[in-house]
C-alpha cells in the first residue's frame, strides 16, 4: 500500500465531488459535513461516472440507473447495483490530501 497525492485542500469544498485518476484507478473525493471520502468513481452496475451523479446526505446516486452508494463504506443501498464501491483511506498532510492505494 502506498500514499498518493490526490489534490490540495483548497481544491475541494463542502458538497464537492472531485474526480481524480490514480494509476489506472478512477476515483472521486467527496466532502460532506467536513469529512472527505475517497471512493471508486465508476458504478459497480454499469460503466457510469458517479461524479456526475446526485449527492445527498451520506450517499451518492448513479446518474444512469439511480443506484445509491453510502459514502461511509461504499455499500450499494438499492438495485440495480449490488456490489459496493471500494473505499480508500485518506490523510491530510499540510495542504495536501493523499489517498492510500495498493
N, C-alpha and C. Protein backbone atom coordinates (compact mmCIF):
# COMPACT_ATOMS: atom_id res chain seq x y z
N UNK A 1 0.85 -1.18 0.00
CA UNK A 1 0.00 0.00 0.00
C UNK A 1 0.89 1.23 0.00
N UNK A 2 0.46 2.24 -0.72
CA UNK A 2 1.22 3.48 -0.76
C UNK A 2 0.27 4.66 -0.77
N UNK A 3 0.79 5.80 -0.34
CA UNK A 3 0.00 7.04 -0.32
C UNK A 3 0.33 7.85 -1.56
N UNK A 4 -0.71 8.30 -2.26
CA UNK A 4 -0.56 9.09 -3.47
C UNK A 4 -1.27 10.42 -3.28
N UNK A 5 -0.60 11.52 -3.64
CA UNK A 5 -1.22 12.83 -3.52
C UNK A 5 -2.40 12.92 -4.49
N UNK A 6 -3.57 13.29 -3.97
CA UNK A 6 -4.78 13.40 -4.78
C UNK A 6 -5.04 14.84 -5.21
N UNK A 7 -4.92 15.76 -4.26
CA UNK A 7 -5.17 17.17 -4.55
C UNK A 7 -4.77 17.99 -3.33
N UNK A 8 -4.91 19.29 -3.43
CA UNK A 8 -4.68 20.14 -2.27
C UNK A 8 -6.01 20.41 -1.57
N UNK A 9 -5.94 20.81 -0.32
CA UNK A 9 -7.17 21.07 0.45
C UNK A 9 -8.03 22.15 -0.18
N UNK A 10 -7.43 23.13 -0.85
CA UNK A 10 -8.23 24.20 -1.43
C UNK A 10 -8.91 23.79 -2.74
N UNK A 11 -8.67 22.56 -3.21
CA UNK A 11 -9.31 22.08 -4.43
C UNK A 11 -10.62 21.35 -4.16
N UNK A 12 -10.98 21.18 -2.89
CA UNK A 12 -12.24 20.52 -2.55
C UNK A 12 -12.93 21.30 -1.45
N UNK A 13 -14.21 21.54 -1.66
CA UNK A 13 -15.02 22.29 -0.70
C UNK A 13 -16.27 21.48 -0.35
N UNK A 14 -16.95 21.90 0.67
CA UNK A 14 -18.18 21.23 1.13
C UNK A 14 -19.13 21.00 -0.04
N UNK A 15 -19.58 19.76 -0.21
CA UNK A 15 -20.53 19.41 -1.27
C UNK A 15 -19.90 19.11 -2.61
N UNK A 16 -18.57 19.18 -2.69
CA UNK A 16 -17.87 18.91 -3.95
C UNK A 16 -17.68 17.41 -4.17
N UNK A 17 -17.68 17.04 -5.44
CA UNK A 17 -17.26 15.72 -5.89
C UNK A 17 -16.13 15.97 -6.88
N UNK A 18 -14.92 15.56 -6.52
CA UNK A 18 -13.73 15.82 -7.33
C UNK A 18 -13.26 14.51 -7.95
N UNK A 19 -13.14 14.48 -9.27
CA UNK A 19 -12.64 13.29 -9.98
C UNK A 19 -11.13 13.31 -10.00
N UNK A 20 -10.53 12.15 -9.70
CA UNK A 20 -9.09 12.01 -9.80
C UNK A 20 -8.78 10.64 -10.38
N UNK A 21 -7.66 10.54 -11.06
CA UNK A 21 -7.17 9.26 -11.57
C UNK A 21 -5.85 8.97 -10.89
N UNK A 22 -5.75 7.80 -10.31
CA UNK A 22 -4.53 7.36 -9.63
C UNK A 22 -4.13 6.04 -10.27
N UNK A 23 -2.98 6.04 -10.92
CA UNK A 23 -2.55 4.88 -11.69
C UNK A 23 -3.67 4.57 -12.68
N UNK A 24 -4.25 3.38 -12.60
CA UNK A 24 -5.35 3.03 -13.51
C UNK A 24 -6.70 3.09 -12.82
N UNK A 25 -6.73 3.65 -11.62
CA UNK A 25 -7.98 3.74 -10.86
C UNK A 25 -8.67 5.07 -11.13
N UNK A 26 -9.99 5.00 -11.29
CA UNK A 26 -10.80 6.20 -11.43
C UNK A 26 -11.50 6.41 -10.09
N UNK A 27 -11.10 7.46 -9.38
CA UNK A 27 -11.60 7.72 -8.04
C UNK A 27 -12.34 9.04 -7.98
N UNK A 28 -13.03 9.24 -6.86
CA UNK A 28 -13.64 10.53 -6.58
C UNK A 28 -13.43 10.84 -5.11
N UNK A 29 -13.21 12.11 -4.84
CA UNK A 29 -13.17 12.61 -3.48
C UNK A 29 -14.44 13.40 -3.26
N UNK A 30 -15.08 13.19 -2.14
CA UNK A 30 -16.33 13.88 -1.81
C UNK A 30 -16.17 14.49 -0.43
N UNK A 31 -16.52 15.78 -0.30
CA UNK A 31 -16.53 16.38 1.02
C UNK A 31 -17.98 16.63 1.42
N UNK A 32 -18.35 16.02 2.55
CA UNK A 32 -19.70 16.22 3.08
C UNK A 32 -19.61 16.30 4.61
N UNK A 33 -20.22 17.34 5.15
CA UNK A 33 -20.20 17.59 6.60
C UNK A 33 -18.76 17.65 7.14
N UNK A 34 -17.86 18.21 6.32
CA UNK A 34 -16.48 18.39 6.72
C UNK A 34 -15.62 17.14 6.63
N UNK A 35 -16.20 16.02 6.21
CA UNK A 35 -15.47 14.76 6.08
C UNK A 35 -15.18 14.53 4.60
N UNK A 36 -13.95 14.08 4.31
CA UNK A 36 -13.58 13.76 2.94
C UNK A 36 -13.60 12.25 2.77
N UNK A 37 -14.32 11.81 1.75
CA UNK A 37 -14.43 10.39 1.41
C UNK A 37 -13.72 10.16 0.08
N UNK A 38 -13.06 9.01 -0.06
CA UNK A 38 -12.44 8.61 -1.32
C UNK A 38 -13.02 7.26 -1.71
N UNK A 39 -13.63 7.21 -2.90
CA UNK A 39 -14.31 6.00 -3.37
C UNK A 39 -14.02 5.81 -4.85
N UNK A 40 -14.25 4.58 -5.33
CA UNK A 40 -14.22 4.35 -6.77
C UNK A 40 -15.26 5.26 -7.41
N UNK A 41 -14.96 5.71 -8.62
CA UNK A 41 -15.83 6.66 -9.31
C UNK A 41 -16.80 5.98 -10.28
N UNK A 42 -16.54 4.74 -10.63
CA UNK A 42 -17.37 4.06 -11.63
C UNK A 42 -18.36 3.14 -10.92
N UNK A 43 -19.62 3.26 -11.28
CA UNK A 43 -20.70 2.45 -10.69
C UNK A 43 -20.40 0.96 -10.87
N UNK A 44 -20.71 0.17 -9.86
CA UNK A 44 -20.46 -1.27 -9.94
C UNK A 44 -21.51 -2.01 -10.77
N UNK A 45 -22.57 -1.32 -11.16
CA UNK A 45 -23.60 -1.94 -12.00
C UNK A 45 -23.27 -1.77 -13.48
N UNK A 46 -23.00 -0.57 -13.90
CA UNK A 46 -22.65 -0.27 -15.30
C UNK A 46 -21.53 0.75 -15.28
N UNK A 47 -20.99 1.05 -16.43
CA UNK A 47 -19.87 1.99 -16.52
C UNK A 47 -20.35 3.44 -16.48
N UNK A 48 -20.97 3.83 -15.41
CA UNK A 48 -21.42 5.21 -15.25
C UNK A 48 -20.49 5.93 -14.29
N UNK A 49 -20.20 7.18 -14.61
CA UNK A 49 -19.32 8.01 -13.79
C UNK A 49 -20.14 8.63 -12.66
N UNK A 50 -19.88 8.16 -11.44
CA UNK A 50 -20.65 8.63 -10.29
C UNK A 50 -20.38 10.08 -9.94
N UNK A 51 -19.27 10.64 -10.40
CA UNK A 51 -19.01 12.05 -10.11
C UNK A 51 -20.04 12.95 -10.81
N UNK A 52 -20.75 12.39 -11.78
CA UNK A 52 -21.82 13.12 -12.47
C UNK A 52 -23.18 12.84 -11.84
N UNK A 53 -23.17 12.10 -10.73
CA UNK A 53 -24.41 11.70 -10.06
C UNK A 53 -24.95 12.75 -9.12
N UNK A 54 -25.81 12.31 -8.23
CA UNK A 54 -26.54 13.19 -7.33
C UNK A 54 -26.08 12.94 -5.90
N UNK A 55 -25.55 13.97 -5.27
CA UNK A 55 -25.06 13.87 -3.90
C UNK A 55 -26.18 14.24 -2.94
N UNK A 56 -26.43 13.36 -1.98
CA UNK A 56 -27.43 13.61 -0.93
C UNK A 56 -26.76 13.32 0.40
N UNK A 57 -27.49 13.47 1.47
CA UNK A 57 -26.92 13.25 2.80
C UNK A 57 -26.42 11.82 2.95
N UNK A 58 -25.10 11.66 3.01
CA UNK A 58 -24.49 10.36 3.26
C UNK A 58 -24.44 9.41 2.10
N UNK A 59 -24.82 9.86 0.89
CA UNK A 59 -24.82 8.95 -0.25
C UNK A 59 -24.66 9.68 -1.57
N UNK A 60 -24.26 8.91 -2.58
CA UNK A 60 -24.22 9.43 -3.95
C UNK A 60 -25.03 8.48 -4.82
N UNK A 61 -25.78 9.05 -5.76
CA UNK A 61 -26.67 8.27 -6.61
C UNK A 61 -26.19 8.31 -8.05
N UNK A 62 -26.15 7.15 -8.66
CA UNK A 62 -25.70 7.00 -10.04
C UNK A 62 -26.64 7.74 -10.99
N UNK A 63 -26.07 8.49 -11.94
CA UNK A 63 -26.93 9.22 -12.88
C UNK A 63 -27.60 8.32 -13.93
N UNK A 64 -27.14 7.08 -14.06
CA UNK A 64 -27.65 6.22 -15.12
C UNK A 64 -28.87 5.40 -14.68
N UNK A 65 -28.75 4.62 -13.62
CA UNK A 65 -29.85 3.76 -13.19
C UNK A 65 -30.28 4.01 -11.74
N UNK A 66 -29.77 5.09 -11.14
CA UNK A 66 -30.20 5.58 -9.84
C UNK A 66 -29.89 4.69 -8.64
N UNK A 67 -28.89 3.81 -8.77
CA UNK A 67 -28.42 3.10 -7.59
C UNK A 67 -27.69 4.09 -6.70
N UNK A 68 -27.87 3.96 -5.40
CA UNK A 68 -27.19 4.83 -4.45
C UNK A 68 -26.15 4.05 -3.67
N UNK A 69 -25.09 4.76 -3.28
CA UNK A 69 -24.00 4.17 -2.53
C UNK A 69 -23.73 5.02 -1.30
N UNK A 70 -23.52 4.36 -0.17
CA UNK A 70 -23.23 5.05 1.08
C UNK A 70 -21.78 5.54 1.05
N UNK A 71 -21.57 6.81 1.38
CA UNK A 71 -20.24 7.41 1.34
C UNK A 71 -19.30 6.79 2.38
N UNK A 72 -19.83 6.46 3.52
CA UNK A 72 -19.03 5.97 4.63
C UNK A 72 -18.29 4.68 4.32
N UNK A 73 -18.94 3.78 3.57
CA UNK A 73 -18.33 2.48 3.33
C UNK A 73 -18.52 1.95 1.90
N UNK A 74 -19.18 2.71 1.04
CA UNK A 74 -19.37 2.31 -0.36
C UNK A 74 -20.47 1.31 -0.61
N UNK A 75 -21.21 0.91 0.41
CA UNK A 75 -22.25 -0.11 0.25
C UNK A 75 -23.34 0.37 -0.71
N UNK A 76 -23.75 -0.54 -1.61
CA UNK A 76 -24.86 -0.26 -2.53
C UNK A 76 -26.16 -0.32 -1.73
N UNK A 77 -26.94 0.75 -1.80
CA UNK A 77 -28.16 0.86 -0.99
C UNK A 77 -29.42 0.38 -1.69
N UNK A 78 -29.38 0.29 -3.02
CA UNK A 78 -30.55 -0.16 -3.76
C UNK A 78 -30.14 -0.69 -5.13
N UNK A 79 -30.97 -1.58 -5.71
CA UNK A 79 -30.68 -2.11 -7.04
C UNK A 79 -30.81 -1.02 -8.10
N UNK A 80 -30.22 -1.22 -9.26
CA UNK A 80 -29.69 -2.49 -9.73
C UNK A 80 -28.28 -2.81 -9.24
N UNK A 81 -27.54 -1.86 -8.69
CA UNK A 81 -26.21 -2.17 -8.16
C UNK A 81 -26.32 -3.06 -6.93
N UNK A 82 -25.46 -4.04 -6.86
CA UNK A 82 -25.44 -4.95 -5.71
C UNK A 82 -24.08 -4.94 -5.02
N UNK A 83 -23.02 -4.71 -5.78
CA UNK A 83 -21.67 -4.71 -5.22
C UNK A 83 -21.30 -3.32 -4.71
N UNK A 84 -20.56 -3.27 -3.61
CA UNK A 84 -20.15 -1.97 -3.06
C UNK A 84 -19.04 -1.33 -3.89
N UNK A 85 -18.89 -0.03 -3.71
CA UNK A 85 -17.74 0.68 -4.24
C UNK A 85 -16.57 0.45 -3.29
N UNK A 86 -15.38 0.43 -3.83
CA UNK A 86 -14.21 0.35 -2.96
C UNK A 86 -13.98 1.72 -2.33
N UNK A 87 -13.71 1.71 -1.02
CA UNK A 87 -13.40 2.93 -0.29
C UNK A 87 -11.92 2.96 0.00
N UNK A 88 -11.34 4.16 -0.03
CA UNK A 88 -9.90 4.33 0.17
C UNK A 88 -9.66 5.22 1.39
N UNK A 89 -8.61 4.91 2.12
CA UNK A 89 -8.20 5.75 3.23
C UNK A 89 -7.61 7.04 2.69
N UNK A 90 -7.84 8.12 3.42
CA UNK A 90 -7.23 9.38 3.05
C UNK A 90 -6.47 9.93 4.26
N UNK A 91 -5.51 10.80 3.98
CA UNK A 91 -4.83 11.53 5.04
C UNK A 91 -4.53 12.92 4.51
N UNK A 92 -4.49 13.86 5.44
CA UNK A 92 -4.16 15.24 5.10
C UNK A 92 -2.82 15.54 5.73
N UNK A 93 -1.91 16.03 4.91
CA UNK A 93 -0.56 16.39 5.36
C UNK A 93 -0.30 17.81 4.88
N UNK A 94 -0.35 18.75 5.80
CA UNK A 94 -0.20 20.16 5.42
C UNK A 94 -1.39 20.57 4.56
N UNK A 95 -1.12 21.02 3.35
CA UNK A 95 -2.19 21.44 2.44
C UNK A 95 -2.56 20.37 1.43
N UNK A 96 -2.01 19.19 1.56
CA UNK A 96 -2.22 18.13 0.58
C UNK A 96 -3.09 17.00 1.13
N UNK A 97 -3.92 16.44 0.23
CA UNK A 97 -4.75 15.30 0.56
C UNK A 97 -4.17 14.09 -0.18
N UNK A 98 -3.96 13.02 0.55
CA UNK A 98 -3.41 11.79 0.00
C UNK A 98 -4.42 10.67 0.09
N UNK A 99 -4.36 9.75 -0.90
CA UNK A 99 -5.22 8.56 -0.94
C UNK A 99 -4.30 7.34 -0.87
N UNK A 100 -4.71 6.36 -0.05
CA UNK A 100 -3.92 5.14 0.08
C UNK A 100 -4.39 4.13 -0.98
N UNK A 101 -3.48 3.74 -1.85
CA UNK A 101 -3.79 2.76 -2.90
C UNK A 101 -2.79 1.62 -2.82
N UNK A 102 -3.11 0.53 -3.45
CA UNK A 102 -2.18 -0.60 -3.42
C UNK A 102 -2.65 -1.74 -4.25
